[in-house]
Amino acid sequence: MRIVIQRVKQAKVDIGGKTHAEIGKGILVLLGVEKGDIEDKADWLARKICNFRIFSDENEKMNLSVKDVKGEILVVSQFTLASHIKKGNRPSFSNAAPESEAVPIYERFIQIVKSEGVPVKTGVFGADMEVFLINDGPVTFILEK
């Protein structure tokens, strides 16, 4: 699994010109599921993100989690994160999990975030989405498991 997380002031996903999901302060998660990924990876990454201290405390140190600041998480599936660009100029998506494998992992990730008590909203798996965000910082991290 490859995940890009961005600390945001707000973020939203539009599908077909209409807003599908929207959050205020929190984390935008772009989630890529690779072949062979298992639920344990989704569990570990979801818990990590919910407790990841990337929000500033009163001393302007990154010392608070999304839970601490009562933020939200927006999860968007993004198969292109599973791409490989080793040769040539065209990315290969051969390592991306097929939908039948990826959807259960994606849904498991969302369920674990919910179980951590963090409000979560999502895009639509496999949909053509427009993602809008106001990055706070900017603060961006890449996590892999």
Protein backbone atom coordinates (compact mmCIF):
# COMPACT_ATOMS: atom_id res chain seq x y z
CA MET A 1 0.00 0.00 0.00
CA ARG A 2 1.09 3.48 -0.77
CA ILE A 3 -0.57 6.43 0.84
CA VAL A 4 -0.11 10.17 0.44
CA ILE A 5 -1.49 12.23 3.30
CA GLN A 6 -1.90 15.97 3.29
CA ARG A 7 -2.80 18.13 6.25
CA VAL A 8 -5.65 20.31 5.01
CA LYS A 9 -7.71 23.28 6.08
CA GLN A 10 -10.45 21.84 3.88
CA ALA A 11 -10.85 19.31 1.09
CA LYS A 12 -13.61 18.00 -1.13
CA VAL A 13 -14.32 15.50 -3.88
CA ASP A 14 -16.56 16.34 -6.80
CA ILE A 15 -18.00 13.69 -9.09
CA GLY A 16 -19.83 14.71 -12.24
CA GLY A 17 -19.66 18.38 -11.29
CA LYS A 18 -21.35 17.84 -7.90
CA THR A 19 -19.76 17.75 -4.46
CA HIS A 20 -19.76 14.18 -3.18
CA ALA A 21 -17.83 14.63 0.09
CA GLU A 22 -16.27 17.53 1.95
CA ILE A 23 -14.24 18.00 5.14
CA GLY A 24 -12.89 20.92 7.12
CA LYS A 25 -9.64 20.75 9.09
CA GLY A 26 -8.06 17.33 8.86
CA ILE A 27 -6.25 14.94 6.56
CA LEU A 28 -6.73 14.10 2.90
CA VAL A 29 -5.66 10.50 2.27
CA LEU A 30 -4.85 9.31 -1.25
CA LEU A 31 -4.78 5.52 -1.00
CA GLY A 32 -3.23 3.12 -3.50
CA VAL A 33 -3.69 -0.62 -3.04
CA GLU A 34 -1.12 -2.94 -4.58
CA LYS A 35 -1.40 -6.62 -5.49
CA GLY A 36 -0.92 -8.80 -2.44
CA ASP A 37 -1.84 -6.12 0.11
CA ILE A 38 -3.56 -7.57 3.15
CA GLU A 39 -5.89 -6.22 5.80
CA ASP A 40 -3.05 -5.99 8.34
CA LYS A 41 -1.41 -3.29 6.19
CA ALA A 42 -4.65 -1.32 6.00
CA ASP A 43 -5.14 -1.65 9.77
CA TRP A 44 -1.60 -0.47 10.57
CA LEU A 45 -1.71 2.49 8.17
CA ALA A 46 -5.20 3.61 9.27
CA ARG A 47 -4.21 3.59 12.94
CA LYS A 48 -0.90 5.29 12.13
CA ILE A 49 -2.65 8.13 10.30
CA CYS A 50 -5.24 8.63 13.05
CA ASN A 51 -2.48 8.99 15.64
CA PHE A 52 0.18 10.66 13.46
CA ARG A 53 1.19 13.92 15.14
CA ILE A 54 1.23 16.41 12.28
CA PHE A 55 -0.86 19.23 13.72
CA SER A 56 0.71 22.10 15.63
CA ASP A 57 0.35 22.53 19.37
CA GLU A 58 0.38 25.85 21.23
CA ASN A 59 4.18 26.04 20.72
CA GLU A 60 3.88 25.55 16.92
CA LYS A 61 5.42 22.05 17.16
CA MET A 62 3.86 19.16 15.26
CA ASN A 63 2.67 17.39 18.35
CA LEU A 64 -1.07 16.77 17.85
CA SER A 65 -2.99 14.12 15.91
CA VAL A 66 -6.15 14.50 13.86
CA LYS A 67 -7.96 13.03 16.88
CA ASP A 68 -6.46 15.67 19.18
CA VAL A 69 -7.65 18.53 16.97
CA LYS A 70 -11.05 16.91 16.37
CA GLY A 71 -10.38 16.87 12.64
CA GLU A 72 -11.78 14.76 9.84
CA ILE A 73 -10.30 12.44 7.24
CA LEU A 74 -11.21 12.31 3.55
CA VAL A 75 -10.13 9.02 1.90
CA VAL A 76 -9.78 8.91 -1.89
CA SER A 77 -8.76 5.77 -3.78
CA GLN A 78 -5.93 6.39 -6.23
CA PHE A 79 -4.64 3.39 -8.15
CA THR A 80 -1.94 5.49 -9.83
CA LEU A 81 0.00 5.39 -6.54
CA ALA A 82 0.72 1.73 -7.33
CA SER A 83 2.45 2.68 -10.59
CA HIS A 84 6.05 1.94 -11.48
CA ILE A 85 8.18 4.13 -13.70
CA LYS A 86 11.39 2.22 -14.20
CA LYS A 87 11.89 2.60 -17.92
CA GLY A 88 10.39 4.64 -20.68
CA ASN A 89 7.96 7.49 -20.25
CA ARG A 90 4.72 5.63 -19.67
CA PRO A 91 3.87 4.45 -16.15
CA SER A 92 3.05 0.80 -15.58
CA PHE A 93 0.05 -0.07 -13.44
CA SER A 94 0.76 -3.79 -13.35
CA ASN A 95 1.31 -3.70 -9.58
CA ALA A 96 -2.08 -2.11 -8.84
CA ALA A 97 -4.49 -4.52 -7.19
CA PRO A 98 -7.52 -5.43 -9.28
CA GLU A 99 -10.80 -3.97 -8.07
CA SER A 100 -11.88 -7.30 -6.53
CA GLU A 101 -8.81 -7.19 -4.22
CA ALA A 102 -8.55 -3.44 -3.75
CA VAL A 103 -12.13 -2.62 -2.69
CA PRO A 104 -12.11 -4.82 0.45
CA ILE A 105 -8.76 -3.31 1.54
CA TYR A 106 -10.02 0.23 0.86
CA GLU A 107 -13.21 -0.46 2.82
CA ARG A 108 -11.24 -2.05 5.67
CA PHE A 109 -9.04 1.06 5.89
CA ILE A 110 -12.15 3.25 6.19
CA GLN A 111 -13.67 1.01 8.88
CA ILE A 112 -10.49 1.17 10.99
CA VAL A 113 -10.43 4.98 10.76
CA LYS A 114 -14.06 5.02 11.93
CA SER A 115 -13.22 2.64 14.79
CA GLU A 116 -10.54 5.11 15.92
CA GLY A 117 -13.30 7.69 16.41
CA VAL A 118 -12.28 9.98 13.56
CA PRO A 119 -15.04 11.26 11.26
CA VAL A 120 -14.32 9.97 7.76
CA LYS A 121 -15.71 10.76 4.35
CA THR A 122 -14.78 9.16 1.06
CA GLY A 123 -14.67 9.45 -2.65
CA VAL A 124 -16.13 6.66 -4.82
CA PHE A 125 -13.81 3.79 -5.63
CA GLY A 126 -12.96 3.78 -9.34
CA ALA A 127 -14.87 6.97 -10.13
CA ASP A 128 -13.48 9.87 -12.13
CA MET A 129 -13.12 12.42 -9.33
CA GLU A 130 -11.96 15.98 -8.96
CA VAL A 131 -10.17 16.53 -5.64
CA PHE A 132 -9.87 20.03 -4.22
CA LEU A 133 -7.87 20.97 -1.17
CA ILE A 134 -6.35 23.78 0.75
CA ASN A 135 -3.11 22.27 1.99
CA ASP A 136 -2.20 23.48 5.47
CA GLY A 137 1.51 24.21 5.64
CA PRO A 138 1.95 22.64 3.14
CA VAL A 139 2.35 19.41 5.06
CA THR A 140 2.52 16.21 3.00
CA PHE A 141 3.78 12.72 3.84
CA ILE A 142 4.14 9.47 1.91
CA LEU A 143 3.60 6.26 3.85
CA GLU A 144 4.17 2.72 2.66
CA LYS A 145 3.68 -0.60 4.37
